[in-house]
Amino acid sequence: MARRPLAQHTTRNIQNSKGTYYISIPIEIIQTLGWKERQKVVVRRRGKKIIIEDWGE
């Protein structure tokens, strides 16, 4: 897979698998937040935006 240009680095596509939608989050964001694989998160909607937070906060 070719590397994306820097301007498109945070642009992602919504994908569908067996009725579940998912999106990949850039590794730099995951590392900055200190999140680990299989960590619980809370997904909320605020207007037209989606908020993803650590479950423990």
PDB file of N, CA and C in Angstrom:
ATOM      1  N   MET A   1       0.845  -1.167   0.000  1.00  0.00           N
ATOM      2  CA  MET A   1       0.000   0.000   0.000  1.00  0.00           C
ATOM      3  C   MET A   1       0.896   1.238   0.000  1.00  0.00           C
ATOM      4  N   ALA A   2       0.612   2.152  -0.859  1.00  0.00           N
ATOM      5  CA  ALA A   2       1.400   3.374  -0.958  1.00  0.00           C
ATOM      6  C   ALA A   2       1.070   4.315   0.189  1.00  0.00           C
ATOM      7  N   ARG A   3       2.056   5.098   0.562  1.00  0.00           N
ATOM      8  CA  ARG A   3       1.860   6.083   1.616  1.00  0.00           C
ATOM      9  C   ARG A   3       1.066   7.275   1.105  1.00  0.00           C
ATOM     10  N   ARG A   4       0.160   7.790   1.908  1.00  0.00           N
ATOM     11  CA  ARG A   4      -0.664   8.930   1.514  1.00  0.00           C
ATOM     12  C   ARG A   4       0.157  10.216   1.596  1.00  0.00           C
ATOM     13  N   PRO A   5      -0.197  11.191   0.776  1.00  0.00           N
ATOM     14  CA  PRO A   5       0.431  12.505   0.931  1.00  0.00           C
ATOM     15  C   PRO A   5       0.096  13.081   2.298  1.00  0.00           C
ATOM     16  N   LEU A   6       0.968  13.917   2.826  1.00  0.00           N
ATOM     17  CA  LEU A   6       0.797  14.446   4.173  1.00  0.00           C
ATOM     18  C   LEU A   6      -0.533  15.175   4.352  1.00  0.00           C
ATOM     19  N   ALA A   7      -1.007  15.855   3.334  1.00  0.00           N
ATOM     20  CA  ALA A   7      -2.276  16.578   3.433  1.00  0.00           C
ATOM     21  C   ALA A   7      -3.458  15.630   3.642  1.00  0.00           C
ATOM     22  N   GLN A   8      -3.363  14.390   3.175  1.00  0.00           N
ATOM     23  CA  GLN A   8      -4.443  13.411   3.294  1.00  0.00           C
ATOM     24  C   GLN A   8      -4.177  12.398   4.402  1.00  0.00           C
ATOM     25  N   HIS A   9      -3.192  12.644   5.226  1.00  0.00           N
ATOM     26  CA  HIS A   9      -2.773  11.660   6.226  1.00  0.00           C
ATOM     27  C   HIS A   9      -3.888  11.311   7.203  1.00  0.00           C
ATOM     28  N   THR A  10      -4.726  12.261   7.567  1.00  0.00           N
ATOM     29  CA  THR A  10      -5.790  11.982   8.532  1.00  0.00           C
ATOM     30  C   THR A  10      -7.139  11.738   7.875  1.00  0.00           C
ATOM     31  N   THR A  11      -7.200  11.693   6.549  1.00  0.00           N
ATOM     32  CA  THR A  11      -8.442  11.400   5.848  1.00  0.00           C
ATOM     33  C   THR A  11      -8.649   9.891   5.832  1.00  0.00           C
ATOM     34  N   ARG A  12      -9.800   9.425   6.308  1.00  0.00           N
ATOM     35  CA  ARG A  12     -10.085   7.990   6.409  1.00  0.00           C
ATOM     36  C   ARG A  12     -11.416   7.674   5.751  1.00  0.00           C
ATOM     37  N   ASN A  13     -11.625   6.413   5.408  1.00  0.00           N
ATOM     38  CA  ASN A  13     -12.874   5.942   4.818  1.00  0.00           C
ATOM     39  C   ASN A  13     -13.649   5.115   5.833  1.00  0.00           C
ATOM     40  N   ILE A  14     -14.964   5.203   5.769  1.00  0.00           N
ATOM     41  CA  ILE A  14     -15.816   4.346   6.589  1.00  0.00           C
ATOM     42  C   ILE A  14     -15.970   3.029   5.851  1.00  0.00           C
ATOM     43  N   GLN A  15     -15.780   1.925   6.571  1.00  0.00           N
ATOM     44  CA  GLN A  15     -15.878   0.603   5.967  1.00  0.00           C
ATOM     45  C   GLN A  15     -16.967  -0.200   6.668  1.00  0.00           C
ATOM     46  N   ASN A  16     -17.478  -1.217   5.977  1.00  0.00           N
ATOM     47  CA  ASN A  16     -18.567  -2.038   6.490  1.00  0.00           C
ATOM     48  C   ASN A  16     -18.156  -3.502   6.440  1.00  0.00           C
ATOM     49  N   SER A  17     -18.406  -4.208   7.538  1.00  0.00           N
ATOM     50  CA  SER A  17     -18.110  -5.627   7.595  1.00  0.00           C
ATOM     51  C   SER A  17     -19.228  -6.318   8.360  1.00  0.00           C
ATOM     52  N   LYS A  18     -20.036  -7.086   7.669  1.00  0.00           N
ATOM     53  CA  LYS A  18     -21.116  -7.869   8.278  1.00  0.00           C
ATOM     54  C   LYS A  18     -22.062  -6.998   9.103  1.00  0.00           C
ATOM     55  N   GLY A  19     -22.419  -5.833   8.579  1.00  0.00           N
ATOM     56  CA  GLY A  19     -23.381  -4.978   9.252  1.00  0.00           C
ATOM     57  C   GLY A  19     -22.796  -4.037  10.287  1.00  0.00           C
ATOM     58  N   THR A  20     -21.475  -4.092  10.525  1.00  0.00           N
ATOM     59  CA  THR A  20     -20.816  -3.202  11.475  1.00  0.00           C
ATOM     60  C   THR A  20     -19.933  -2.236  10.711  1.00  0.00           C
ATOM     61  N   TYR A  21     -20.049  -0.961  11.032  1.00  0.00           N
ATOM     62  CA  TYR A  21     -19.215   0.045  10.391  1.00  0.00           C
ATOM     63  C   TYR A  21     -17.981   0.288  11.242  1.00  0.00           C
ATOM     64  N   TYR A  22     -16.861   0.541  10.594  1.00  0.00           N
ATOM     65  CA  TYR A  22     -15.646   0.845  11.326  1.00  0.00           C
ATOM     66  C   TYR A  22     -14.768   1.804  10.544  1.00  0.00           C
ATOM     67  N   ILE A  23     -13.862   2.446  11.278  1.00  0.00           N
ATOM     68  CA  ILE A  23     -12.930   3.397  10.707  1.00  0.00           C
ATOM     69  C   ILE A  23     -11.593   3.202  11.412  1.00  0.00           C
ATOM     70  N   SER A  24     -10.506   3.324  10.685  1.00  0.00           N
ATOM     71  CA  SER A  24      -9.189   3.197  11.309  1.00  0.00           C
ATOM     72  C   SER A  24      -8.736   4.567  11.797  1.00  0.00           C
ATOM     73  N   ILE A  25      -8.056   4.580  12.924  1.00  0.00           N
ATOM     74  CA  ILE A  25      -7.552   5.814  13.520  1.00  0.00           C
ATOM     75  C   ILE A  25      -6.043   5.832  13.324  1.00  0.00           C
ATOM     76  N   PRO A  26      -5.478   6.962  12.913  1.00  0.00           N
ATOM     77  CA  PRO A  26      -4.026   7.018  12.692  1.00  0.00           C
ATOM     78  C   PRO A  26      -3.236   6.598  13.937  1.00  0.00           C
ATOM     79  N   ILE A  27      -2.182   5.823  13.738  1.00  0.00           N
ATOM     80  CA  ILE A  27      -1.383   5.290  14.840  1.00  0.00           C
ATOM     81  C   ILE A  27      -0.783   6.397  15.691  1.00  0.00           C
ATOM     82  N   GLU A  28      -0.474   7.531  15.088  1.00  0.00           N
ATOM     83  CA  GLU A  28       0.103   8.638  15.848  1.00  0.00           C
ATOM     84  C   GLU A  28      -0.865   9.131  16.926  1.00  0.00           C
ATOM     85  N   ILE A  29      -2.148   9.161  16.605  1.00  0.00           N
ATOM     86  CA  ILE A  29      -3.160   9.601  17.577  1.00  0.00           C
ATOM     87  C   ILE A  29      -3.275   8.575  18.702  1.00  0.00           C
ATOM     88  N   ILE A  30      -3.302   7.300  18.366  1.00  0.00           N
ATOM     89  CA  ILE A  30      -3.400   6.234  19.377  1.00  0.00           C
ATOM     90  C   ILE A  30      -2.204   6.290  20.325  1.00  0.00           C
ATOM     91  N   GLN A  31      -1.004   6.450  19.781  1.00  0.00           N
ATOM     92  CA  GLN A  31       0.203   6.504  20.611  1.00  0.00           C
ATOM     93  C   GLN A  31       0.217   7.744  21.495  1.00  0.00           C
ATOM     94  N   THR A  32      -0.217   8.892  20.964  1.00  0.00           N
ATOM     95  CA  THR A  32      -0.254  10.128  21.738  1.00  0.00           C
ATOM     96  C   THR A  32      -1.205  10.004  22.931  1.00  0.00           C
ATOM     97  N   LEU A  33      -2.344   9.348  22.723  1.00  0.00           N
ATOM     98  CA  LEU A  33      -3.325   9.168  23.794  1.00  0.00           C
ATOM     99  C   LEU A  33      -2.943   8.050  24.761  1.00  0.00           C
ATOM    100  N   GLY A  34      -1.987   7.207  24.367  1.00  0.00           N
ATOM    101  CA  GLY A  34      -1.559   6.108  25.224  1.00  0.00           C
ATOM    102  C   GLY A  34      -2.538   4.951  25.242  1.00  0.00           C
ATOM    103  N   TRP A  35      -3.362   4.840  24.188  1.00  0.00           N
ATOM    104  CA  TRP A  35      -4.340   3.765  24.119  1.00  0.00           C
ATOM    105  C   TRP A  35      -3.682   2.470  23.688  1.00  0.00           C
ATOM    106  N   LYS A  36      -4.255   1.352  24.106  1.00  0.00           N
ATOM    107  CA  LYS A  36      -3.751   0.017  23.785  1.00  0.00           C
ATOM    108  C   LYS A  36      -4.804  -0.765  22.999  1.00  0.00           C
ATOM    109  N   GLU A  37      -4.378  -1.847  22.398  1.00  0.00           N
ATOM    110  CA  GLU A  37      -5.296  -2.705  21.642  1.00  0.00           C
ATOM    111  C   GLU A  37      -6.359  -3.275  22.575  1.00  0.00           C
ATOM    112  N   ARG A  38      -7.599  -3.329  22.100  1.00  0.00           N
ATOM    113  CA  ARG A  38      -8.752  -3.867  22.811  1.00  0.00           C
ATOM    114  C   ARG A  38      -9.157  -3.032  24.025  1.00  0.00           C
ATOM    115  N   GLN A  39      -8.689  -1.787  24.123  1.00  0.00           N
ATOM    116  CA  GLN A  39      -9.076  -0.895  25.205  1.00  0.00           C
ATOM    117  C   GLN A  39     -10.523  -0.473  25.013  1.00  0.00           C
ATOM    118  N   LYS A  40     -11.254  -0.353  26.108  1.00  0.00           N
ATOM    119  CA  LYS A  40     -12.650   0.079  26.031  1.00  0.00           C
ATOM    120  C   LYS A  40     -12.702   1.588  25.826  1.00  0.00           C
ATOM    121  N   VAL A  41     -13.564   2.008  24.918  1.00  0.00           N
ATOM    122  CA  VAL A  41     -13.774   3.430  24.660  1.00  0.00           C
ATOM    123  C   VAL A  41     -15.272   3.707  24.623  1.00  0.00           C
ATOM    124  N   VAL A  42     -15.641   4.974  24.805  1.00  0.00           N
ATOM    125  CA  VAL A  42     -17.028   5.417  24.747  1.00  0.00           C
ATOM    126  C   VAL A  42     -17.183   6.245  23.481  1.00  0.00           C
ATOM    127  N   VAL A  43     -18.215   5.947  22.692  1.00  0.00           N
ATOM    128  CA  VAL A  43     -18.490   6.684  21.461  1.00  0.00           C
ATOM    129  C   VAL A  43     -19.801   7.430  21.650  1.00  0.00           C
ATOM    130  N   ARG A  44     -19.741   8.765  21.509  1.00  0.00           N
ATOM    131  CA  ARG A  44     -20.928   9.599  21.671  1.00  0.00           C
ATOM    132  C   ARG A  44     -21.074  10.511  20.466  1.00  0.00           C
ATOM    133  N   ARG A  45     -22.275  10.975  20.262  1.00  0.00           N
ATOM    134  CA  ARG A  45     -22.549  11.921  19.181  1.00  0.00           C
ATOM    135  C   ARG A  45     -22.854  13.280  19.775  1.00  0.00           C
ATOM    136  N   ARG A  46     -22.216  14.310  19.245  1.00  0.00           N
ATOM    137  CA  ARG A  46     -22.489  15.686  19.658  1.00  0.00           C
ATOM    138  C   ARG A  46     -22.759  16.485  18.392  1.00  0.00           C
ATOM    139  N   GLY A  47     -24.044  16.688  18.102  1.00  0.00           N
ATOM    140  CA  GLY A  47     -24.428  17.352  16.858  1.00  0.00           C
ATOM    141  C   GLY A  47     -24.060  16.480  15.670  1.00  0.00           C
ATOM    142  N   LYS A  48     -23.222  17.010  14.781  1.00  0.00           N
ATOM    143  CA  LYS A  48     -22.777  16.247  13.610  1.00  0.00           C
ATOM    144  C   LYS A  48     -21.388  15.659  13.813  1.00  0.00           C
ATOM    145  N   LYS A  49     -20.902  15.646  15.045  1.00  0.00           N
ATOM    146  CA  LYS A  49     -19.568  15.130  15.340  1.00  0.00           C
ATOM    147  C   LYS A  49     -19.653  13.876  16.197  1.00  0.00           C
ATOM    148  N   ILE A  50     -18.616  13.064  16.134  1.00  0.00           N
ATOM    149  CA  ILE A  50     -18.506  11.856  16.948  1.00  0.00           C
ATOM    150  C   ILE A  50     -17.361  12.071  17.932  1.00  0.00           C
ATOM    151  N   ILE A  51     -17.617  11.792  19.199  1.00  0.00           N
ATOM    152  CA  ILE A  51     -16.619  11.932  20.250  1.00  0.00           C
ATOM    153  C   ILE A  51     -16.226  10.521  20.715  1.00  0.00           C
ATOM    154  N   ILE A  52     -14.933  10.223  20.698  1.00  0.00           N
ATOM    155  CA  ILE A  52     -14.421   8.938  21.174  1.00  0.00           C
ATOM    156  C   ILE A  52     -13.546   9.221  22.391  1.00  0.00           C
ATOM    157  N   GLU A  53     -13.925   8.664  23.546  1.00  0.00           N
ATOM    158  CA  GLU A  53     -13.205   8.900  24.783  1.00  0.00           C
ATOM    159  C   GLU A  53     -12.838   7.586  25.452  1.00  0.00           C
ATOM    160  N   ASP A  54     -11.825   7.649  26.285  1.00  0.00           N
ATOM    161  CA  ASP A  54     -11.450   6.501  27.091  1.00  0.00           C
ATOM    162  C   ASP A  54     -12.605   6.140  28.020  1.00  0.00           C
ATOM    163  N   TRP A  55     -12.876   4.878  28.190  1.00  0.00           N
ATOM    164  CA  TRP A  55     -14.002   4.408  28.995  1.00  0.00           C
ATOM    165  C   TRP A  55     -13.837   4.796  30.466  1.00  0.00           C
ATOM    166  N   GLY A  56     -12.615   4.857  30.950  1.00  0.00           N
ATOM    167  CA  GLY A  56     -12.359   5.133  32.357  1.00  0.00           C
ATOM    168  C   GLY A  56     -12.451   6.595  32.751  1.00  0.00           C
ATOM    169  N   GLU A  57     -12.550   7.508  31.814  1.00  0.00           N
ATOM    170  CA  GLU A  57     -12.564   8.939  32.159  1.00  0.00           C
ATOM    171  C   GLU A  57     -13.953   9.421  32.463  1.00  0.00           C
TER     172      GLU A  57
END
